[in-house]
């Protein structure tokens, strides 16, 4: 679950939300941007506490994560693991006027 905090909160107000996440037995992942702060609440069945966090003054809104394996999935990682390295070279086709590119996987 992702908890988006309201803008211009004090550190003490942010700590209040983080401590609540820890108190419930979940691991908070804090991401601070230029204009907003979000807290990722990592753990199984985190969405059952969404109403609790929605009622807190410091929270702007809640986003639920659909996949329970989000941290391990390729969607979460920044690098693209699906890319395959290719080695390509141009070959002149004797039977036509065009060259063709041959590619092999590394």
N, C-alpha and C. Protein backbone atom coordinates (compact mmCIF):
# COMPACT_ATOMS: atom_id res chain seq x y z
N UNK A 1 0.85 -1.16 0.00
CA UNK A 1 0.00 0.00 0.00
C UNK A 1 0.90 1.23 0.00
N UNK A 2 0.48 2.25 -0.73
CA UNK A 2 1.24 3.49 -0.79
C UNK A 2 0.45 4.58 -0.10
N UNK A 3 1.08 5.22 0.86
CA UNK A 3 0.46 6.30 1.62
C UNK A 3 1.07 7.60 1.13
N UNK A 4 0.26 8.47 0.55
CA UNK A 4 0.74 9.77 0.08
C UNK A 4 0.39 10.81 1.15
N UNK A 5 1.41 11.50 1.62
CA UNK A 5 1.21 12.49 2.67
C UNK A 5 0.87 13.85 2.06
N UNK A 6 0.24 14.68 2.87
CA UNK A 6 -0.08 16.04 2.42
C UNK A 6 1.19 16.85 2.28
N UNK A 7 1.13 17.91 1.49
CA UNK A 7 2.29 18.77 1.27
C UNK A 7 2.58 19.61 2.51
N UNK A 8 3.85 19.97 2.64
CA UNK A 8 4.33 20.88 3.70
C UNK A 8 4.08 20.37 5.12
N UNK A 9 4.26 19.08 5.33
CA UNK A 9 4.16 18.52 6.68
C UNK A 9 5.48 18.68 7.41
N UNK A 10 5.41 18.79 8.72
CA UNK A 10 6.63 18.83 9.52
C UNK A 10 7.19 17.42 9.65
N UNK A 11 8.44 17.34 10.07
CA UNK A 11 9.06 16.01 10.25
C UNK A 11 8.34 15.23 11.34
N UNK A 12 7.86 15.93 12.34
CA UNK A 12 7.14 15.26 13.43
C UNK A 12 5.84 14.64 12.93
N UNK A 13 5.15 15.32 12.03
CA UNK A 13 3.91 14.78 11.47
C UNK A 13 4.20 13.56 10.58
N UNK A 14 5.30 13.62 9.82
CA UNK A 14 5.71 12.47 9.02
C UNK A 14 6.06 11.28 9.90
N UNK A 15 6.79 11.56 10.99
CA UNK A 15 7.18 10.50 11.93
C UNK A 15 5.96 9.81 12.54
N UNK A 16 4.90 10.57 12.74
CA UNK A 16 3.68 10.01 13.32
C UNK A 16 3.12 8.90 12.42
N UNK A 17 3.11 9.14 11.11
CA UNK A 17 2.59 8.14 10.17
C UNK A 17 3.56 6.96 10.08
N UNK A 18 4.87 7.23 10.02
CA UNK A 18 5.87 6.17 9.93
C UNK A 18 5.82 5.28 11.17
N UNK A 19 5.68 5.90 12.34
CA UNK A 19 5.63 5.10 13.57
C UNK A 19 4.36 4.24 13.63
N UNK A 20 3.26 4.73 13.05
CA UNK A 20 2.03 3.94 13.00
C UNK A 20 2.21 2.71 12.11
N UNK A 21 2.92 2.90 10.98
CA UNK A 21 3.20 1.78 10.08
C UNK A 21 4.03 0.73 10.81
N UNK A 22 5.08 1.17 11.52
CA UNK A 22 5.94 0.25 12.27
C UNK A 22 5.17 -0.42 13.40
N UNK A 23 4.32 0.34 14.07
CA UNK A 23 3.52 -0.19 15.18
C UNK A 23 2.63 -1.34 14.74
N UNK A 24 2.16 -1.27 13.50
CA UNK A 24 1.31 -2.33 12.95
C UNK A 24 2.11 -3.53 12.45
N UNK A 25 3.44 -3.44 12.52
CA UNK A 25 4.30 -4.56 12.14
C UNK A 25 4.72 -4.58 10.68
N UNK A 26 4.63 -3.45 10.00
CA UNK A 26 5.00 -3.36 8.59
C UNK A 26 6.29 -2.57 8.43
N UNK A 27 6.89 -2.73 7.27
CA UNK A 27 8.15 -2.04 6.97
C UNK A 27 7.83 -0.80 6.13
N UNK A 28 8.16 0.40 6.64
CA UNK A 28 7.91 1.60 5.84
C UNK A 28 9.06 1.90 4.88
N UNK A 29 8.73 2.22 3.64
CA UNK A 29 9.72 2.68 2.65
C UNK A 29 9.36 4.13 2.33
N UNK A 30 10.21 5.04 2.76
CA UNK A 30 9.92 6.47 2.64
C UNK A 30 10.60 7.02 1.39
N UNK A 31 9.81 7.72 0.57
CA UNK A 31 10.33 8.37 -0.63
C UNK A 31 9.94 9.84 -0.55
N UNK A 32 10.97 10.69 -0.47
CA UNK A 32 10.71 12.13 -0.37
C UNK A 32 11.00 12.78 -1.71
N UNK A 33 10.01 13.44 -2.24
CA UNK A 33 10.17 14.17 -3.48
C UNK A 33 10.27 15.65 -3.19
N UNK A 34 10.29 16.43 -4.24
CA UNK A 34 10.39 17.88 -4.10
C UNK A 34 9.14 18.44 -3.45
N UNK A 35 7.98 17.93 -3.87
CA UNK A 35 6.71 18.48 -3.39
C UNK A 35 5.90 17.54 -2.51
N UNK A 36 6.25 16.28 -2.49
CA UNK A 36 5.44 15.35 -1.70
C UNK A 36 6.29 14.22 -1.13
N UNK A 37 5.74 13.57 -0.14
CA UNK A 37 6.38 12.41 0.47
C UNK A 37 5.39 11.25 0.40
N UNK A 38 5.91 10.09 0.01
CA UNK A 38 5.09 8.89 0.04
C UNK A 38 5.75 7.85 0.93
N UNK A 39 4.92 7.01 1.49
CA UNK A 39 5.41 5.92 2.35
C UNK A 39 4.84 4.62 1.80
N UNK A 40 5.73 3.73 1.43
CA UNK A 40 5.31 2.40 0.99
C UNK A 40 5.18 1.52 2.21
N UNK A 41 4.02 0.95 2.39
CA UNK A 41 3.76 0.06 3.53
C UNK A 41 3.89 -1.37 3.00
N UNK A 42 5.04 -1.98 3.28
CA UNK A 42 5.36 -3.28 2.71
C UNK A 42 5.00 -4.39 3.69
N UNK A 43 4.22 -5.32 3.20
CA UNK A 43 3.82 -6.46 4.02
C UNK A 43 2.50 -7.01 3.53
N UNK A 44 2.22 -8.22 3.93
CA UNK A 44 1.00 -8.89 3.50
C UNK A 44 -0.22 -8.33 4.21
N UNK A 45 -1.30 -8.13 3.48
CA UNK A 45 -2.58 -7.64 3.98
C UNK A 45 -2.52 -6.21 4.52
N UNK A 46 -1.64 -5.39 3.97
CA UNK A 46 -1.52 -3.99 4.41
C UNK A 46 -2.80 -3.21 4.10
N UNK A 47 -3.51 -3.61 3.05
CA UNK A 47 -4.70 -2.86 2.64
C UNK A 47 -5.82 -2.88 3.67
N UNK A 48 -5.77 -3.81 4.62
CA UNK A 48 -6.84 -3.84 5.62
C UNK A 48 -6.75 -2.66 6.59
N UNK A 49 -5.63 -1.93 6.56
CA UNK A 49 -5.47 -0.75 7.40
C UNK A 49 -5.66 0.55 6.63
N UNK A 50 -6.17 0.47 5.41
CA UNK A 50 -6.30 1.68 4.60
C UNK A 50 -7.24 2.70 5.23
N UNK A 51 -8.33 2.26 5.82
CA UNK A 51 -9.28 3.19 6.46
C UNK A 51 -8.64 3.91 7.65
N UNK A 52 -7.79 3.21 8.37
CA UNK A 52 -7.10 3.81 9.51
C UNK A 52 -6.22 4.98 9.05
N UNK A 53 -5.49 4.76 7.95
CA UNK A 53 -4.61 5.81 7.46
C UNK A 53 -5.38 6.92 6.74
N UNK A 54 -6.48 6.58 6.10
CA UNK A 54 -7.31 7.62 5.46
C UNK A 54 -7.86 8.59 6.48
N UNK A 55 -8.08 8.13 7.69
CA UNK A 55 -8.64 8.99 8.73
C UNK A 55 -7.60 9.90 9.39
N UNK A 56 -6.32 9.67 9.12
CA UNK A 56 -5.27 10.51 9.70
C UNK A 56 -5.19 11.84 8.95
N UNK A 57 -5.01 12.93 9.68
CA UNK A 57 -4.94 14.28 9.09
C UNK A 57 -3.75 14.44 8.14
N UNK A 58 -2.66 13.76 8.41
CA UNK A 58 -1.42 13.91 7.64
C UNK A 58 -1.48 13.25 6.27
N UNK A 59 -2.43 12.33 6.08
CA UNK A 59 -2.50 11.53 4.85
C UNK A 59 -3.39 12.22 3.82
N UNK A 60 -2.86 12.35 2.61
CA UNK A 60 -3.63 12.93 1.51
C UNK A 60 -4.50 11.87 0.86
N UNK A 61 -3.88 10.75 0.44
CA UNK A 61 -4.65 9.64 -0.11
C UNK A 61 -3.85 8.34 -0.03
N UNK A 62 -4.56 7.25 -0.27
CA UNK A 62 -4.01 5.89 -0.19
C UNK A 62 -4.13 5.24 -1.57
N UNK A 63 -3.08 4.53 -1.98
CA UNK A 63 -3.12 3.73 -3.21
C UNK A 63 -2.77 2.29 -2.84
N UNK A 64 -3.63 1.39 -3.24
CA UNK A 64 -3.37 -0.02 -2.93
C UNK A 64 -2.59 -0.67 -4.07
N UNK A 65 -1.67 -1.54 -3.73
CA UNK A 65 -0.87 -2.26 -4.70
C UNK A 65 -1.56 -3.59 -4.96
N UNK A 66 -1.79 -3.88 -6.24
CA UNK A 66 -2.53 -5.09 -6.58
C UNK A 66 -1.72 -6.36 -6.47
N UNK A 67 -0.42 -6.27 -6.75
CA UNK A 67 0.42 -7.47 -6.74
C UNK A 67 1.08 -7.65 -5.37
N UNK A 68 0.89 -8.79 -4.73
CA UNK A 68 1.49 -9.00 -3.41
C UNK A 68 3.00 -9.17 -3.44
N UNK A 69 3.57 -9.41 -4.61
CA UNK A 69 5.01 -9.63 -4.74
C UNK A 69 5.68 -8.41 -5.37
N UNK A 70 5.19 -7.23 -5.12
CA UNK A 70 5.62 -6.02 -5.81
C UNK A 70 7.13 -5.80 -5.76
N UNK A 71 7.79 -5.95 -4.61
CA UNK A 71 9.22 -5.69 -4.50
C UNK A 71 10.05 -6.67 -5.33
N UNK A 72 9.55 -7.87 -5.54
CA UNK A 72 10.30 -8.86 -6.30
C UNK A 72 9.98 -8.84 -7.79
N UNK A 73 8.95 -8.11 -8.17
CA UNK A 73 8.54 -8.13 -9.57
C UNK A 73 9.41 -7.23 -10.43
N UNK A 74 9.39 -7.47 -11.73
CA UNK A 74 10.14 -6.65 -12.67
C UNK A 74 9.56 -5.26 -12.79
N UNK A 75 8.28 -5.09 -12.46
CA UNK A 75 7.64 -3.79 -12.55
C UNK A 75 8.24 -2.80 -11.56
N UNK A 76 8.70 -3.30 -10.43
CA UNK A 76 9.21 -2.43 -9.37
C UNK A 76 10.65 -2.00 -9.61
N UNK A 77 11.43 -2.85 -10.26
CA UNK A 77 12.85 -2.57 -10.48
C UNK A 77 13.04 -1.56 -11.60
N UNK A 78 14.06 -0.71 -11.47
CA UNK A 78 14.28 0.33 -12.46
C UNK A 78 14.96 -0.20 -13.71
N UNK A 79 15.84 -1.18 -13.58
CA UNK A 79 16.48 -1.71 -14.78
C UNK A 79 15.54 -2.67 -15.48
N UNK A 80 15.72 -2.79 -16.76
CA UNK A 80 14.86 -3.66 -17.56
C UNK A 80 15.57 -4.99 -17.75
N UNK A 81 15.07 -6.03 -17.09
CA UNK A 81 15.69 -7.35 -17.17
C UNK A 81 15.27 -8.12 -18.41
N UNK A 82 14.33 -7.59 -19.17
CA UNK A 82 13.86 -8.29 -20.36
C UNK A 82 14.74 -8.07 -21.57
N UNK A 83 15.62 -7.10 -21.51
CA UNK A 83 16.45 -6.79 -22.66
C UNK A 83 17.46 -7.90 -22.89
N UNK A 84 17.63 -8.26 -24.14
CA UNK A 84 18.61 -9.25 -24.53
C UNK A 84 19.65 -8.55 -25.38
N UNK A 85 20.91 -8.79 -25.10
CA UNK A 85 21.98 -8.18 -25.88
C UNK A 85 22.05 -8.83 -27.26
N UNK A 86 22.18 -7.99 -28.27
CA UNK A 86 22.27 -8.48 -29.64
C UNK A 86 23.57 -7.99 -30.27
N UNK A 87 24.17 -8.84 -31.06
CA UNK A 87 25.34 -8.48 -31.86
C UNK A 87 24.89 -8.47 -33.31
N UNK A 88 24.95 -7.30 -33.95
CA UNK A 88 24.45 -7.17 -35.31
C UNK A 88 25.57 -6.76 -36.25
N UNK A 89 25.48 -7.20 -37.49
CA UNK A 89 26.43 -6.80 -38.53
C UNK A 89 25.71 -6.78 -39.87
N UNK A 90 26.15 -5.90 -40.72
CA UNK A 90 25.56 -5.78 -42.05
C UNK A 90 26.25 -6.75 -43.01
N UNK A 91 25.46 -7.39 -43.82
CA UNK A 91 25.98 -8.30 -44.85
C UNK A 91 25.42 -7.87 -46.20
N UNK A 92 26.28 -7.90 -47.18
CA UNK A 92 25.83 -7.57 -48.54
C UNK A 92 25.27 -8.83 -49.18
N UNK A 93 24.06 -8.71 -49.65
CA UNK A 93 23.41 -9.83 -50.32
C UNK A 93 23.82 -9.80 -51.80
N UNK A 94 24.50 -10.84 -52.25
CA UNK A 94 25.03 -10.88 -53.62
C UNK A 94 23.92 -10.90 -54.68
N UNK A 95 22.76 -11.43 -54.33
CA UNK A 95 21.68 -11.57 -55.30
C UNK A 95 20.81 -10.32 -55.43
N UNK A 96 21.02 -9.34 -54.59
CA UNK A 96 20.23 -8.11 -54.70
C UNK A 96 21.12 -6.90 -54.46
N UNK A 97 20.53 -5.74 -54.57
CA UNK A 97 21.30 -4.52 -54.39
C UNK A 97 21.30 -4.03 -52.94
N UNK A 98 20.76 -4.78 -52.05
CA UNK A 98 20.58 -4.33 -50.67
C UNK A 98 21.44 -5.13 -49.71
N UNK A 99 21.81 -4.47 -48.64
CA UNK A 99 22.51 -5.20 -47.59
C UNK A 99 21.45 -5.63 -46.57
N UNK A 100 21.77 -6.63 -45.81
CA UNK A 100 20.84 -7.07 -44.78
C UNK A 100 21.60 -7.16 -43.46
N UNK A 101 20.88 -6.98 -42.43
CA UNK A 101 21.48 -7.00 -41.09
C UNK A 101 21.23 -8.35 -40.46
N UNK A 102 22.30 -8.95 -39.98
CA UNK A 102 22.21 -10.24 -39.30
C UNK A 102 22.46 -9.97 -37.80
N UNK A 103 21.60 -10.48 -36.98
CA UNK A 103 21.74 -10.29 -35.54
C UNK A 103 21.75 -11.64 -34.82
N UNK A 104 22.63 -11.75 -33.84
CA UNK A 104 22.72 -12.93 -33.00
C UNK A 104 22.66 -12.49 -31.55
N UNK A 105 22.10 -13.34 -30.72
CA UNK A 105 22.09 -13.05 -29.28
C UNK A 105 23.45 -13.33 -28.69
N UNK A 106 23.83 -12.50 -27.76
CA UNK A 106 25.13 -12.70 -27.08
C UNK A 106 25.00 -13.71 -26.00
